[in-house]
Amino acid sequence: MKPSKPCKHGGTRNTLRGLQMGVSRPFRPCKHPGCRKLSINGYCEEHAISRGRRYRLQQDAKRGTSAERGYNWTWHKVRNMKLAENPICECCEKNGKITIAVLVHHRDRNPRNNMKNNLESLCGMCHQEEHKEDRKTLDSLGYLVNNNNRIHGGRANV
Protein backbone atom coordinates (compact mmCIF):
# COMPACT_ATOMS: atom_id res chain seq x y z
CA MET A 1 0.00 0.00 0.00
CA LYS A 2 1.30 3.44 -0.94
CA PRO A 3 1.71 5.97 1.84
CA SER A 4 -1.25 8.33 1.94
CA LYS A 5 -0.76 11.93 0.86
CA PRO A 6 -1.65 14.75 3.22
CA CYS A 7 -4.82 16.64 2.37
CA LYS A 8 -5.38 20.37 2.76
CA HIS A 9 -6.93 19.92 6.25
CA GLY A 10 -3.76 18.39 7.75
CA GLY A 11 -5.01 14.79 7.85
CA THR A 12 -4.64 12.12 5.22
CA ARG A 13 -7.07 11.26 2.51
CA ASN A 14 -7.49 7.61 3.34
CA THR A 15 -7.52 7.78 7.13
CA LEU A 16 -10.87 6.07 7.38
CA ARG A 17 -9.84 3.42 4.85
CA GLY A 18 -6.57 2.89 6.78
CA LEU A 19 -8.47 2.20 10.02
CA GLN A 20 -10.56 -0.47 8.37
CA MET A 21 -7.69 -2.18 6.54
CA GLY A 22 -7.13 -5.69 7.89
CA VAL A 23 -10.51 -5.81 9.65
CA SER A 24 -12.32 -8.85 8.34
CA ARG A 25 -15.31 -8.79 10.70
CA PRO A 26 -17.94 -6.06 10.97
CA PHE A 27 -18.19 -3.84 14.01
CA ARG A 28 -20.92 -4.90 16.44
CA PRO A 29 -22.23 -3.44 19.69
CA CYS A 30 -20.34 -4.38 22.86
CA LYS A 31 -21.84 -7.42 24.62
CA HIS A 32 -21.79 -5.63 27.99
CA PRO A 33 -25.39 -4.75 28.99
CA GLY A 34 -26.17 -1.13 28.19
CA CYS A 35 -22.92 -0.38 26.31
CA ARG A 36 -23.37 0.97 22.79
CA LYS A 37 -19.71 1.18 21.79
CA LEU A 38 -18.73 -0.76 18.69
CA SER A 39 -16.30 -3.64 18.84
CA ILE A 40 -14.85 -6.36 16.64
CA ASN A 41 -14.17 -8.96 19.36
CA GLY A 42 -17.44 -8.85 21.30
CA TYR A 43 -16.48 -6.37 24.04
CA CYS A 44 -15.24 -2.78 23.74
CA GLU A 45 -11.77 -2.05 25.13
CA GLU A 46 -13.11 -0.79 28.47
CA HIS A 47 -15.29 -3.83 29.16
CA ALA A 48 -12.76 -6.33 27.81
CA ILE A 49 -10.30 -5.09 30.46
CA SER A 50 -12.84 -5.09 33.30
CA ARG A 51 -14.15 -8.49 32.20
CA GLY A 52 -10.64 -9.98 32.38
CA ARG A 53 -9.99 -8.34 35.74
CA ARG A 54 -13.33 -9.57 37.09
CA TYR A 55 -12.58 -13.13 35.94
CA ARG A 56 -9.17 -13.07 37.65
CA LEU A 57 -10.77 -11.77 40.87
CA GLN A 58 -13.39 -14.54 40.75
CA GLN A 59 -10.70 -17.17 40.26
CA ASP A 60 -8.63 -15.74 43.11
CA ALA A 61 -11.70 -15.78 45.36
CA LYS A 62 -12.18 -19.48 44.61
CA ARG A 63 -8.54 -20.32 45.31
CA GLY A 64 -8.11 -18.05 48.32
CA THR A 65 -5.17 -15.76 48.93
CA SER A 66 -1.63 -17.09 48.86
CA ALA A 67 -1.50 -16.78 52.65
CA GLU A 68 -4.73 -18.77 52.98
CA ARG A 69 -3.20 -21.46 50.79
CA GLY A 70 -0.20 -21.68 53.14
CA TYR A 71 2.31 -19.39 51.39
CA ASN A 72 3.04 -16.78 54.06
CA TRP A 73 6.26 -14.98 55.06
CA THR A 74 7.59 -18.16 56.73
CA TRP A 75 7.19 -19.99 53.42
CA HIS A 76 9.08 -17.27 51.57
CA LYS A 77 11.98 -17.55 54.01
CA VAL A 78 12.03 -21.37 53.67
CA ARG A 79 11.76 -21.08 49.87
CA ASN A 80 14.68 -18.64 49.63
CA MET A 81 16.83 -20.85 51.89
CA LYS A 82 16.08 -23.93 49.75
CA LEU A 83 16.89 -22.11 46.49
CA ALA A 84 20.13 -20.75 48.00
CA GLU A 85 21.08 -24.23 49.20
CA ASN A 86 20.18 -25.97 45.93
CA PRO A 87 19.93 -23.53 42.97
CA ILE A 88 19.89 -26.32 40.33
CA CYS A 89 16.65 -28.07 39.29
CA GLU A 90 16.72 -31.47 40.99
CA CYS A 91 14.65 -33.15 38.27
CA CYS A 92 16.85 -31.88 35.44
CA GLU A 93 19.96 -32.79 37.44
CA LYS A 94 18.75 -36.42 37.62
CA ASN A 95 18.44 -36.39 33.81
CA GLY A 96 21.94 -34.97 33.32
CA LYS A 97 20.87 -31.39 32.50
CA ILE A 98 21.76 -28.25 34.39
CA THR A 99 18.88 -25.80 34.75
CA ILE A 100 18.41 -22.97 37.23
CA ALA A 101 15.66 -23.72 39.75
CA VAL A 102 13.10 -20.97 40.19
CA LEU A 103 10.42 -22.80 42.20
CA VAL A 104 10.33 -24.92 45.33
CA HIS A 105 7.90 -27.83 45.16
CA HIS A 106 6.24 -29.66 48.05
CA ARG A 107 6.56 -33.35 47.27
CA ASP A 108 3.47 -34.27 49.32
CA ARG A 109 1.51 -31.27 47.90
CA ASN A 110 0.90 -29.93 51.44
CA PRO A 111 2.02 -26.27 51.56
CA ARG A 112 2.24 -26.34 55.35
CA ASN A 113 4.74 -29.22 55.42
CA ASN A 114 8.01 -27.32 55.02
CA MET A 115 10.29 -30.12 56.21
CA LYS A 116 13.58 -30.16 54.32
CA ASN A 117 13.03 -33.67 52.91
CA ASN A 118 9.60 -32.62 51.54
CA LEU A 119 10.96 -29.77 49.40
CA GLU A 120 12.63 -29.93 46.02
CA SER A 121 14.02 -27.17 43.82
CA LEU A 122 12.55 -27.22 40.31
CA CYS A 123 12.65 -25.22 37.10
CA GLY A 124 9.35 -23.98 35.65
CA MET A 125 9.05 -26.79 33.09
CA CYS A 126 9.62 -29.57 35.62
CA HIS A 127 7.16 -27.96 38.05
CA GLN A 128 4.51 -27.85 35.32
CA GLU A 129 5.21 -31.51 34.57
CA GLU A 130 4.82 -32.36 38.29
CA HIS A 131 1.37 -30.74 38.38
CA LYS A 132 0.15 -31.95 34.98
CA GLU A 133 -1.91 -34.77 36.49
CA ASP A 134 -3.26 -32.55 39.28
CA ARG A 135 -4.68 -30.10 36.77
CA LYS A 136 -6.54 -32.91 35.04
CA THR A 137 -8.25 -33.98 38.26
CA LEU A 138 -9.84 -30.72 39.44
CA ASP A 139 -13.61 -30.40 39.70
CA SER A 140 -15.48 -27.22 38.74
CA LEU A 141 -14.89 -25.66 42.17
CA GLY A 142 -11.14 -26.22 42.08
CA TYR A 143 -11.06 -29.24 44.38
CA LEU A 144 -8.78 -32.19 43.77
CA VAL A 145 -10.80 -35.20 42.71
CA ASN A 146 -9.80 -38.84 43.15
CA ASN A 147 -12.39 -41.41 42.00
CA ASN A 148 -15.15 -38.79 42.38
CA ASN A 149 -14.18 -38.02 46.01
CA ARG A 150 -12.62 -34.78 47.16
CA ILE A 151 -9.17 -35.23 48.64
CA HIS A 152 -8.71 -33.84 52.18
CA GLY A 153 -11.90 -31.76 51.73
CA GLY A 154 -9.73 -28.82 50.70
CA ARG A 155 -8.91 -26.88 47.61
CA ALA A 156 -6.13 -27.80 45.24
CA ASN A 157 -2.81 -26.10 45.85
CA VAL A 158 -1.39 -25.96 42.35
C-alpha atoms as a PDB file:
ATOM      1  CA  MET A   1       0.000   0.000   0.000  1.00  0.00           C
ATOM      2  CA  LYS A   2       1.300   3.441  -0.939  1.00  0.00           C
ATOM      3  CA  PRO A   3       1.707   5.973   1.837  1.00  0.00           C
ATOM      4  CA  SER A   4      -1.248   8.332   1.937  1.00  0.00           C
ATOM      5  CA  LYS A   5      -0.759  11.930   0.857  1.00  0.00           C
ATOM      6  CA  PRO A   6      -1.646  14.755   3.216  1.00  0.00           C
ATOM      7  CA  CYS A   7      -4.818  16.643   2.373  1.00  0.00           C
ATOM      8  CA  LYS A   8      -5.380  20.373   2.759  1.00  0.00           C
ATOM      9  CA  HIS A   9      -6.934  19.920   6.246  1.00  0.00           C
ATOM     10  CA  GLY A  10      -3.756  18.394   7.747  1.00  0.00           C
ATOM     11  CA  GLY A  11      -5.008  14.795   7.849  1.00  0.00           C
ATOM     12  CA  THR A  12      -4.639  12.124   5.222  1.00  0.00           C
ATOM     13  CA  ARG A  13      -7.074  11.264   2.513  1.00  0.00           C
ATOM     14  CA  ASN A  14      -7.485   7.609   3.336  1.00  0.00           C
ATOM     15  CA  THR A  15      -7.516   7.784   7.132  1.00  0.00           C
ATOM     16  CA  LEU A  16     -10.870   6.067   7.381  1.00  0.00           C
ATOM     17  CA  ARG A  17      -9.836   3.423   4.855  1.00  0.00           C
ATOM     18  CA  GLY A  18      -6.571   2.893   6.778  1.00  0.00           C
ATOM     19  CA  LEU A  19      -8.465   2.201  10.019  1.00  0.00           C
ATOM     20  CA  GLN A  20     -10.556  -0.466   8.373  1.00  0.00           C
ATOM     21  CA  MET A  21      -7.694  -2.179   6.545  1.00  0.00           C
ATOM     22  CA  GLY A  22      -7.134  -5.687   7.888  1.00  0.00           C
ATOM     23  CA  VAL A  23     -10.513  -5.811   9.651  1.00  0.00           C
ATOM     24  CA  SER A  24     -12.321  -8.852   8.338  1.00  0.00           C
ATOM     25  CA  ARG A  25     -15.310  -8.785  10.696  1.00  0.00           C
ATOM     26  CA  PRO A  26     -17.936  -6.059  10.970  1.00  0.00           C
ATOM     27  CA  PHE A  27     -18.186  -3.839  14.010  1.00  0.00           C
ATOM     28  CA  ARG A  28     -20.920  -4.897  16.443  1.00  0.00           C
ATOM     29  CA  PRO A  29     -22.229  -3.438  19.693  1.00  0.00           C
ATOM     30  CA  CYS A  30     -20.344  -4.376  22.857  1.00  0.00           C
ATOM     31  CA  LYS A  31     -21.844  -7.420  24.621  1.00  0.00           C
ATOM     32  CA  HIS A  32     -21.793  -5.635  27.991  1.00  0.00           C
ATOM     33  CA  PRO A  33     -25.390  -4.750  28.990  1.00  0.00           C
ATOM     34  CA  GLY A  34     -26.168  -1.126  28.190  1.00  0.00           C
ATOM     35  CA  CYS A  35     -22.924  -0.376  26.315  1.00  0.00           C
ATOM     36  CA  ARG A  36     -23.371   0.966  22.791  1.00  0.00           C
ATOM     37  CA  LYS A  37     -19.709   1.177  21.793  1.00  0.00           C
ATOM     38  CA  LEU A  38     -18.733  -0.757  18.694  1.00  0.00           C
ATOM     39  CA  SER A  39     -16.299  -3.642  18.836  1.00  0.00           C
ATOM     40  CA  ILE A  40     -14.846  -6.360  16.645  1.00  0.00           C
ATOM     41  CA  ASN A  41     -14.169  -8.963  19.356  1.00  0.00           C
ATOM     42  CA  GLY A  42     -17.443  -8.849  21.301  1.00  0.00           C
ATOM     43  CA  TYR A  43     -16.480  -6.366  24.042  1.00  0.00           C
ATOM     44  CA  CYS A  44     -15.245  -2.778  23.737  1.00  0.00           C
ATOM     45  CA  GLU A  45     -11.771  -2.047  25.134  1.00  0.00           C
ATOM     46  CA  GLU A  46     -13.110  -0.792  28.470  1.00  0.00           C
ATOM     47  CA  HIS A  47     -15.290  -3.830  29.155  1.00  0.00           C
ATOM     48  CA  ALA A  48     -12.761  -6.333  27.815  1.00  0.00           C
ATOM     49  CA  ILE A  49     -10.305  -5.091  30.456  1.00  0.00           C
ATOM     50  CA  SER A  50     -12.845  -5.093  33.300  1.00  0.00           C
ATOM     51  CA  ARG A  51     -14.155  -8.493  32.201  1.00  0.00           C
ATOM     52  CA  GLY A  52     -10.641  -9.984  32.379  1.00  0.00           C
ATOM     53  CA  ARG A  53      -9.991  -8.339  35.744  1.00  0.00           C
ATOM     54  CA  ARG A  54     -13.334  -9.568  37.092  1.00  0.00           C
ATOM     55  CA  TYR A  55     -12.580 -13.126  35.942  1.00  0.00           C
ATOM     56  CA  ARG A  56      -9.172 -13.070  37.655  1.00  0.00           C
ATOM     57  CA  LEU A  57     -10.768 -11.772  40.867  1.00  0.00           C
ATOM     58  CA  GLN A  58     -13.394 -14.538  40.754  1.00  0.00           C
ATOM     59  CA  GLN A  59     -10.702 -17.174  40.259  1.00  0.00           C
ATOM     60  CA  ASP A  60      -8.625 -15.739  43.110  1.00  0.00           C
ATOM     61  CA  ALA A  61     -11.702 -15.777  45.358  1.00  0.00           C
ATOM     62  CA  LYS A  62     -12.176 -19.480  44.610  1.00  0.00           C
ATOM     63  CA  ARG A  63      -8.538 -20.321  45.312  1.00  0.00           C
ATOM     64  CA  GLY A  64      -8.105 -18.054  48.320  1.00  0.00           C
ATOM     65  CA  THR A  65      -5.175 -15.755  48.933  1.00  0.00           C
ATOM     66  CA  SER A  66      -1.631 -17.093  48.864  1.00  0.00           C
ATOM     67  CA  ALA A  67      -1.502 -16.777  52.651  1.00  0.00           C
ATOM     68  CA  GLU A  68      -4.732 -18.775  52.982  1.00  0.00           C
ATOM     69  CA  ARG A  69      -3.197 -21.464  50.787  1.00  0.00           C
ATOM     70  CA  GLY A  70      -0.198 -21.677  53.143  1.00  0.00           C
ATOM     71  CA  TYR A  71       2.306 -19.390  51.387  1.00  0.00           C
ATOM     72  CA  ASN A  72       3.045 -16.780  54.060  1.00  0.00           C
ATOM     73  CA  TRP A  73       6.257 -14.983  55.063  1.00  0.00           C
ATOM     74  CA  THR A  74       7.586 -18.158  56.727  1.00  0.00           C
ATOM     75  CA  TRP A  75       7.189 -19.995  53.424  1.00  0.00           C
ATOM     76  CA  HIS A  76       9.078 -17.270  51.571  1.00  0.00           C
ATOM     77  CA  LYS A  77      11.985 -17.552  54.014  1.00  0.00           C
ATOM     78  CA  VAL A  78      12.035 -21.367  53.671  1.00  0.00           C
ATOM     79  CA  ARG A  79      11.757 -21.085  49.868  1.00  0.00           C
ATOM     80  CA  ASN A  80      14.677 -18.641  49.629  1.00  0.00           C
ATOM     81  CA  MET A  81      16.834 -20.847  51.888  1.00  0.00           C
ATOM     82  CA  LYS A  82      16.077 -23.927  49.749  1.00  0.00           C
ATOM     83  CA  LEU A  83      16.889 -22.113  46.493  1.00  0.00           C
ATOM     84  CA  ALA A  84      20.126 -20.746  47.997  1.00  0.00           C
ATOM     85  CA  GLU A  85      21.082 -24.229  49.196  1.00  0.00           C
ATOM     86  CA  ASN A  86      20.176 -25.966  45.933  1.00  0.00           C
ATOM     87  CA  PRO A  87      19.925 -23.529  42.974  1.00  0.00           C
ATOM     88  CA  ILE A  88      19.893 -26.323  40.333  1.00  0.00           C
ATOM     89  CA  CYS A  89      16.655 -28.073  39.285  1.00  0.00           C
ATOM     90  CA  GLU A  90      16.723 -31.473  40.985  1.00  0.00           C
ATOM     91  CA  CYS A  91      14.651 -33.145  38.268  1.00  0.00           C
ATOM     92  CA  CYS A  92      16.853 -31.877  35.444  1.00  0.00           C
ATOM     93  CA  GLU A  93      19.963 -32.786  37.435  1.00  0.00           C
ATOM     94  CA  LYS A  94      18.754 -36.425  37.619  1.00  0.00           C
ATOM     95  CA  ASN A  95      18.437 -36.385  33.812  1.00  0.00           C
ATOM     96  CA  GLY A  96      21.940 -34.971  33.323  1.00  0.00           C
ATOM     97  CA  LYS A  97      20.867 -31.391  32.505  1.00  0.00           C
ATOM     98  CA  ILE A  98      21.760 -28.246  34.388  1.00  0.00           C
ATOM     99  CA  THR A  99      18.884 -25.797  34.755  1.00  0.00           C
ATOM    100  CA  ILE A 100      18.413 -22.968  37.230  1.00  0.00           C
ATOM    101  CA  ALA A 101      15.662 -23.725  39.755  1.00  0.00           C
ATOM    102  CA  VAL A 102      13.099 -20.970  40.187  1.00  0.00           C
ATOM    103  CA  LEU A 103      10.420 -22.796  42.198  1.00  0.00           C
ATOM    104  CA  VAL A 104      10.330 -24.917  45.333  1.00  0.00           C
ATOM    105  CA  HIS A 105       7.903 -27.828  45.161  1.00  0.00           C
ATOM    106  CA  HIS A 106       6.236 -29.662  48.050  1.00  0.00           C
ATOM    107  CA  ARG A 107       6.555 -33.349  47.269  1.00  0.00           C
ATOM    108  CA  ASP A 108       3.465 -34.265  49.316  1.00  0.00           C
ATOM    109  CA  ARG A 109       1.509 -31.267  47.900  1.00  0.00           C
ATOM    110  CA  ASN A 110       0.899 -29.926  51.439  1.00  0.00           C
ATOM    111  CA  PRO A 111       2.020 -26.273  51.564  1.00  0.00           C
ATOM    112  CA  ARG A 112       2.239 -26.345  55.352  1.00  0.00           C
ATOM    113  CA  ASN A 113       4.745 -29.223  55.420  1.00  0.00           C
ATOM    114  CA  ASN A 114       8.008 -27.316  55.018  1.00  0.00           C
ATOM    115  CA  MET A 115      10.290 -30.119  56.207  1.00  0.00           C
ATOM    116  CA  LYS A 116      13.582 -30.163  54.318  1.00  0.00           C
ATOM    117  CA  ASN A 117      13.033 -33.670  52.911  1.00  0.00           C
ATOM    118  CA  ASN A 118       9.603 -32.622  51.542  1.00  0.00           C
ATOM    119  CA  LEU A 119      10.962 -29.769  49.404  1.00  0.00           C
ATOM    120  CA  GLU A 120      12.634 -29.934  46.020  1.00  0.00           C
ATOM    121  CA  SER A 121      14.025 -27.170  43.819  1.00  0.00           C
ATOM    122  CA  LEU A 122      12.552 -27.217  40.305  1.00  0.00           C
ATOM    123  CA  CYS A 123      12.654 -25.216  37.099  1.00  0.00           C
ATOM    124  CA  GLY A 124       9.352 -23.980  35.650  1.00  0.00           C
ATOM    125  CA  MET A 125       9.046 -26.787  33.086  1.00  0.00           C
ATOM    126  CA  CYS A 126       9.618 -29.568  35.624  1.00  0.00           C
ATOM    127  CA  HIS A 127       7.164 -27.963  38.050  1.00  0.00           C
ATOM    128  CA  GLN A 128       4.511 -27.851  35.320  1.00  0.00           C
ATOM    129  CA  GLU A 129       5.207 -31.511  34.573  1.00  0.00           C
ATOM    130  CA  GLU A 130       4.822 -32.359  38.285  1.00  0.00           C
ATOM    131  CA  HIS A 131       1.372 -30.736  38.385  1.00  0.00           C
ATOM    132  CA  LYS A 132       0.153 -31.951  34.984  1.00  0.00           C
ATOM    133  CA  GLU A 133      -1.907 -34.773  36.488  1.00  0.00           C
ATOM    134  CA  ASP A 134      -3.264 -32.547  39.283  1.00  0.00           C
ATOM    135  CA  ARG A 135      -4.679 -30.102  36.767  1.00  0.00           C
ATOM    136  CA  LYS A 136      -6.538 -32.905  35.038  1.00  0.00           C
ATOM    137  CA  THR A 137      -8.247 -33.978  38.255  1.00  0.00           C
ATOM    138  CA  LEU A 138      -9.845 -30.720  39.439  1.00  0.00           C
ATOM    139  CA  ASP A 139     -13.607 -30.397  39.702  1.00  0.00           C
ATOM    140  CA  SER A 140     -15.478 -27.220  38.737  1.00  0.00           C
ATOM    141  CA  LEU A 141     -14.895 -25.660  42.168  1.00  0.00           C
ATOM    142  CA  GLY A 142     -11.141 -26.223  42.079  1.00  0.00           C
ATOM    143  CA  TYR A 143     -11.057 -29.245  44.383  1.00  0.00           C
ATOM    144  CA  LEU A 144      -8.775 -32.192  43.767  1.00  0.00           C
ATOM    145  CA  VAL A 145     -10.804 -35.203  42.713  1.00  0.00           C
ATOM    146  CA  ASN A 146      -9.798 -38.841  43.146  1.00  0.00           C
ATOM    147  CA  ASN A 147     -12.390 -41.412  42.004  1.00  0.00           C
ATOM    148  CA  ASN A 148     -15.151 -38.793  42.383  1.00  0.00           C
ATOM    149  CA  ASN A 149     -14.178 -38.016  46.006  1.00  0.00           C
ATOM    150  CA  ARG A 150     -12.625 -34.779  47.161  1.00  0.00           C
ATOM    151  CA  ILE A 151      -9.166 -35.232  48.640  1.00  0.00           C
ATOM    152  CA  HIS A 152      -8.715 -33.835  52.177  1.00  0.00           C
ATOM    153  CA  GLY A 153     -11.901 -31.755  51.732  1.00  0.00           C
ATOM    154  CA  GLY A 154      -9.727 -28.823  50.700  1.00  0.00           C
ATOM    155  CA  ARG A 155      -8.912 -26.879  47.613  1.00  0.00           C
ATOM    156  CA  ALA A 156      -6.134 -27.804  45.239  1.00  0.00           C
ATOM    157  CA  ASN A 157      -2.809 -26.102  45.850  1.00  0.00           C
ATOM    158  CA  VAL A 158      -1.392 -25.958  42.350  1.00  0.00           C
END
